[in-house]
């Protein structure tokens, strides 16, 4: 008796999930279908043109892009993620001080920031933060 009741509760739980998924999929299909029916369809050459922030595009849309932008962006993200690791420590630091572990936590924070400073110095020395990197002749031969 008890087993049958728990199996019915389990089936009801799975049925709820199935109904939720069906309603979600139905909503997406209905919204896309409704938009397809009501939006206008008048293609033109101006609408097919590449959009460049309101400016008339000049030249081809496909060109070689300098990967330096991506390198600088990735370096920024790496050093910006430190905030994600520092914020939780800052929020509970007062509790750690109250528990007597404040010195250890402060030491760990300094070690973490020190590692980041060493990494920043390395990236800066290597020249990866410069928009235009100077390539020496010894680098070209490698």
C-alpha atoms as a PDB file:
ATOM      1  CA  UNK A   1       0.000   0.000   0.000  1.00  0.00           C
ATOM      2  CA  UNK A   2       2.742   2.428   1.011  1.00  0.00           C
ATOM      3  CA  UNK A   3       4.865   1.423  -1.989  1.00  0.00           C
ATOM      4  CA  UNK A   4       1.990   2.025  -4.413  1.00  0.00           C
ATOM      5  CA  UNK A   5       1.417   5.473  -2.909  1.00  0.00           C
ATOM      6  CA  UNK A   6       5.125   6.400  -3.258  1.00  0.00           C
ATOM      7  CA  UNK A   7       5.123   5.155  -6.868  1.00  0.00           C
ATOM      8  CA  UNK A   8       2.070   7.322  -7.603  1.00  0.00           C
ATOM      9  CA  UNK A   9       3.829  10.334  -6.014  1.00  0.00           C
ATOM     10  CA  UNK A  10       6.901   9.636  -8.144  1.00  0.00           C
ATOM     11  CA  UNK A  11       4.760   9.321 -11.281  1.00  0.00           C
ATOM     12  CA  UNK A  12       3.000  12.569 -10.382  1.00  0.00           C
ATOM     13  CA  UNK A  13       6.366  14.308  -9.964  1.00  0.00           C
ATOM     14  CA  UNK A  14       7.533  13.093 -13.384  1.00  0.00           C
ATOM     15  CA  UNK A  15       4.186  14.057 -14.907  1.00  0.00           C
ATOM     16  CA  UNK A  16       4.594  17.577 -13.517  1.00  0.00           C
ATOM     17  CA  UNK A  17       8.014  17.837 -15.145  1.00  0.00           C
ATOM     18  CA  UNK A  18       6.639  16.524 -18.436  1.00  0.00           C
ATOM     19  CA  UNK A  19       3.734  19.000 -18.360  1.00  0.00           C
ATOM     20  CA  UNK A  20       6.142  21.844 -17.549  1.00  0.00           C
ATOM     21  CA  UNK A  21       8.372  20.900 -20.487  1.00  0.00           C
ATOM     22  CA  UNK A  22       5.392  20.630 -22.849  1.00  0.00           C
ATOM     23  CA  UNK A  23       4.061  24.038 -21.773  1.00  0.00           C
ATOM     24  CA  UNK A  24       7.534  25.571 -22.216  1.00  0.00           C
ATOM     25  CA  UNK A  25       8.020  24.062 -25.674  1.00  0.00           C
ATOM     26  CA  UNK A  26       4.473  25.031 -26.627  1.00  0.00           C
ATOM     27  CA  UNK A  27       5.056  28.621 -25.511  1.00  0.00           C
ATOM     28  CA  UNK A  28       8.224  28.907 -27.596  1.00  0.00           C
ATOM     29  CA  UNK A  29       6.562  27.382 -30.672  1.00  0.00           C
ATOM     30  CA  UNK A  30       3.477  29.593 -30.254  1.00  0.00           C
ATOM     31  CA  UNK A  31       5.555  32.773 -29.830  1.00  0.00           C
ATOM     32  CA  UNK A  32       7.717  32.020 -32.867  1.00  0.00           C
ATOM     33  CA  UNK A  33       4.691  31.064 -34.972  1.00  0.00           C
ATOM     34  CA  UNK A  34       2.803  34.191 -33.945  1.00  0.00           C
ATOM     35  CA  UNK A  35       5.795  36.350 -34.884  1.00  0.00           C
ATOM     36  CA  UNK A  36       6.128  34.549 -38.217  1.00  0.00           C
ATOM     37  CA  UNK A  37       2.469  35.279 -39.034  1.00  0.00           C
ATOM     38  CA  UNK A  38       2.388  38.969 -38.097  1.00  0.00           C
ATOM     39  CA  UNK A  39       5.786  40.304 -39.178  1.00  0.00           C
ATOM     40  CA  UNK A  40       6.084  41.903 -42.614  1.00  0.00           C
ATOM     41  CA  UNK A  41       8.120  40.223 -45.332  1.00  0.00           C
ATOM     42  CA  UNK A  42       9.442  42.816 -47.792  1.00  0.00           C
ATOM     43  CA  UNK A  43      13.098  42.090 -48.519  1.00  0.00           C
ATOM     44  CA  UNK A  44      15.198  44.771 -50.163  1.00  0.00           C
ATOM     45  CA  UNK A  45      18.835  45.387 -51.014  1.00  0.00           C
ATOM     46  CA  UNK A  46      19.150  47.904 -48.158  1.00  0.00           C
ATOM     47  CA  UNK A  47      17.875  45.346 -45.634  1.00  0.00           C
ATOM     48  CA  UNK A  48      20.252  42.675 -46.938  1.00  0.00           C
ATOM     49  CA  UNK A  49      23.242  45.011 -46.524  1.00  0.00           C
ATOM     50  CA  UNK A  50      25.637  44.480 -43.607  1.00  0.00           C
ATOM     51  CA  UNK A  51      24.745  46.742 -40.688  1.00  0.00           C
ATOM     52  CA  UNK A  52      27.646  48.774 -39.317  1.00  0.00           C
ATOM     53  CA  UNK A  53      26.164  50.844 -36.466  1.00  0.00           C
ATOM     54  CA  UNK A  54      24.167  53.044 -38.827  1.00  0.00           C
ATOM     55  CA  UNK A  55      27.110  53.689 -41.142  1.00  0.00           C
ATOM     56  CA  UNK A  56      27.236  52.693 -44.770  1.00  0.00           C
ATOM     57  CA  UNK A  57      29.675  49.768 -44.934  1.00  0.00           C
ATOM     58  CA  UNK A  58      32.909  50.288 -46.829  1.00  0.00           C
ATOM     59  CA  UNK A  59      34.747  47.333 -48.318  1.00  0.00           C
ATOM     60  CA  UNK A  60      34.100  43.651 -47.771  1.00  0.00           C
ATOM     61  CA  UNK A  61      32.504  42.314 -44.618  1.00  0.00           C
ATOM     62  CA  UNK A  62      35.075  39.507 -44.410  1.00  0.00           C
ATOM     63  CA  UNK A  63      38.585  40.640 -43.544  1.00  0.00           C
ATOM     64  CA  UNK A  64      41.488  39.464 -41.437  1.00  0.00           C
ATOM     65  CA  UNK A  65      40.970  40.596 -37.869  1.00  0.00           C
ATOM     66  CA  UNK A  66      43.888  41.258 -35.572  1.00  0.00           C
ATOM     67  CA  UNK A  67      43.829  38.548 -32.859  1.00  0.00           C
ATOM     68  CA  UNK A  68      45.492  40.952 -30.404  1.00  0.00           C
ATOM     69  CA  UNK A  69      42.026  42.150 -29.418  1.00  0.00           C
ATOM     70  CA  UNK A  70      41.103  38.641 -28.283  1.00  0.00           C
ATOM     71  CA  UNK A  71      44.359  38.233 -26.370  1.00  0.00           C
ATOM     72  CA  UNK A  72      43.863  41.509 -24.493  1.00  0.00           C
ATOM     73  CA  UNK A  73      40.211  40.586 -23.874  1.00  0.00           C
ATOM     74  CA  UNK A  74      41.156  37.189 -22.453  1.00  0.00           C
ATOM     75  CA  UNK A  75      43.818  38.729 -20.234  1.00  0.00           C
ATOM     76  CA  UNK A  76      41.232  41.211 -18.951  1.00  0.00           C
ATOM     77  CA  UNK A  77      38.807  38.384 -18.176  1.00  0.00           C
ATOM     78  CA  UNK A  78      41.461  36.394 -16.352  1.00  0.00           C
ATOM     79  CA  UNK A  79      42.359  39.323 -14.120  1.00  0.00           C
ATOM     80  CA  UNK A  80      38.739  40.378 -13.733  1.00  0.00           C
ATOM     81  CA  UNK A  81      37.732  36.942 -12.455  1.00  0.00           C
ATOM     82  CA  UNK A  82      39.761  37.656  -9.334  1.00  0.00           C
ATOM     83  CA  UNK A  83      36.793  39.710  -8.119  1.00  0.00           C
ATOM     84  CA  UNK A  84      34.657  36.580  -8.266  1.00  0.00           C
ATOM     85  CA  UNK A  85      37.097  34.869  -5.914  1.00  0.00           C
ATOM     86  CA  UNK A  86      37.685  37.881  -3.679  1.00  0.00           C
ATOM     87  CA  UNK A  87      34.056  38.875  -3.056  1.00  0.00           C
ATOM     88  CA  UNK A  88      33.044  35.757  -1.067  1.00  0.00           C
ATOM     89  CA  UNK A  89      36.155  36.102   1.086  1.00  0.00           C
ATOM     90  CA  UNK A  90      35.378  39.764   1.736  1.00  0.00           C
ATOM     91  CA  UNK A  91      31.805  38.962   2.745  1.00  0.00           C
ATOM     92  CA  UNK A  92      32.801  36.409   5.407  1.00  0.00           C
ATOM     93  CA  UNK A  93      36.109  37.953   6.500  1.00  0.00           C
ATOM     94  CA  UNK A  94      34.584  39.507   9.646  1.00  0.00           C
ATOM     95  CA  UNK A  95      33.258  36.072  10.682  1.00  0.00           C
ATOM     96  CA  UNK A  96      36.713  34.551  10.151  1.00  0.00           C
ATOM     97  CA  UNK A  97      38.290  37.269  12.288  1.00  0.00           C
ATOM     98  CA  UNK A  98      35.721  36.480  15.002  1.00  0.00           C
ATOM     99  CA  UNK A  99      36.583  32.783  14.748  1.00  0.00           C
ATOM    100  CA  UNK A 100      40.313  33.501  15.023  1.00  0.00           C
ATOM    101  CA  UNK A 101      41.176  32.646  11.409  1.00  0.00           C
ATOM    102  CA  UNK A 102      41.507  36.228  10.175  1.00  0.00           C
ATOM    103  CA  UNK A 103      45.310  36.168   9.880  1.00  0.00           C
ATOM    104  CA  UNK A 104      45.257  32.978   7.818  1.00  0.00           C
ATOM    105  CA  UNK A 105      42.559  34.362   5.526  1.00  0.00           C
ATOM    106  CA  UNK A 106      44.449  37.638   5.099  1.00  0.00           C
ATOM    107  CA  UNK A 107      47.630  35.719   4.269  1.00  0.00           C
ATOM    108  CA  UNK A 108      45.755  33.659   1.671  1.00  0.00           C
ATOM    109  CA  UNK A 109      44.340  36.850   0.125  1.00  0.00           C
ATOM    110  CA  UNK A 110      47.830  38.366  -0.082  1.00  0.00           C
ATOM    111  CA  UNK A 111      49.232  35.187  -1.677  1.00  0.00           C
ATOM    112  CA  UNK A 112      46.395  35.195  -4.223  1.00  0.00           C
ATOM    113  CA  UNK A 113      46.869  38.878  -5.081  1.00  0.00           C
ATOM    114  CA  UNK A 114      50.647  38.338  -5.207  1.00  0.00           C
ATOM    115  CA  UNK A 115      50.252  35.555  -7.757  1.00  0.00           C
ATOM    116  CA  UNK A 116      48.022  37.844  -9.803  1.00  0.00           C
ATOM    117  CA  UNK A 117      50.570  40.663  -9.627  1.00  0.00           C
ATOM    118  CA  UNK A 118      53.334  38.323 -10.785  1.00  0.00           C
ATOM    119  CA  UNK A 119      51.132  37.190 -13.670  1.00  0.00           C
ATOM    120  CA  UNK A 120      50.337  40.806 -14.545  1.00  0.00           C
ATOM    121  CA  UNK A 121      54.029  41.713 -14.514  1.00  0.00           C
ATOM    122  CA  UNK A 122      54.760  38.722 -16.769  1.00  0.00           C
ATOM    123  CA  UNK A 123      52.053  39.674 -19.260  1.00  0.00           C
ATOM    124  CA  UNK A 124      53.131  43.316 -19.184  1.00  0.00           C
ATOM    125  CA  UNK A 125      56.816  42.422 -19.665  1.00  0.00           C
ATOM    126  CA  UNK A 126      55.950  40.061 -22.508  1.00  0.00           C
ATOM    127  CA  UNK A 127      54.124  42.940 -24.239  1.00  0.00           C
ATOM    128  CA  UNK A 128      50.715  41.267 -24.462  1.00  0.00           C
ATOM    129  CA  UNK A 129      48.965  44.375 -23.128  1.00  0.00           C
ATOM    130  CA  UNK A 130      50.165  46.541 -26.026  1.00  0.00           C
ATOM    131  CA  UNK A 131      47.745  47.036 -28.911  1.00  0.00           C
ATOM    132  CA  UNK A 132      50.636  47.056 -31.357  1.00  0.00           C
ATOM    133  CA  UNK A 133      53.246  44.502 -30.396  1.00  0.00           C
ATOM    134  CA  UNK A 134      56.825  45.123 -31.480  1.00  0.00           C
ATOM    135  CA  UNK A 135      58.334  41.968 -32.935  1.00  0.00           C
ATOM    136  CA  UNK A 136      62.094  41.705 -32.743  1.00  0.00           C
ATOM    137  CA  UNK A 137      64.189  39.928 -35.350  1.00  0.00           C
ATOM    138  CA  UNK A 138      64.979  37.099 -32.932  1.00  0.00           C
ATOM    139  CA  UNK A 139      61.223  36.463 -32.527  1.00  0.00           C
ATOM    140  CA  UNK A 140      60.777  36.282 -36.293  1.00  0.00           C
ATOM    141  CA  UNK A 141      63.406  33.577 -36.629  1.00  0.00           C
ATOM    142  CA  UNK A 142      61.701  31.234 -34.148  1.00  0.00           C
END
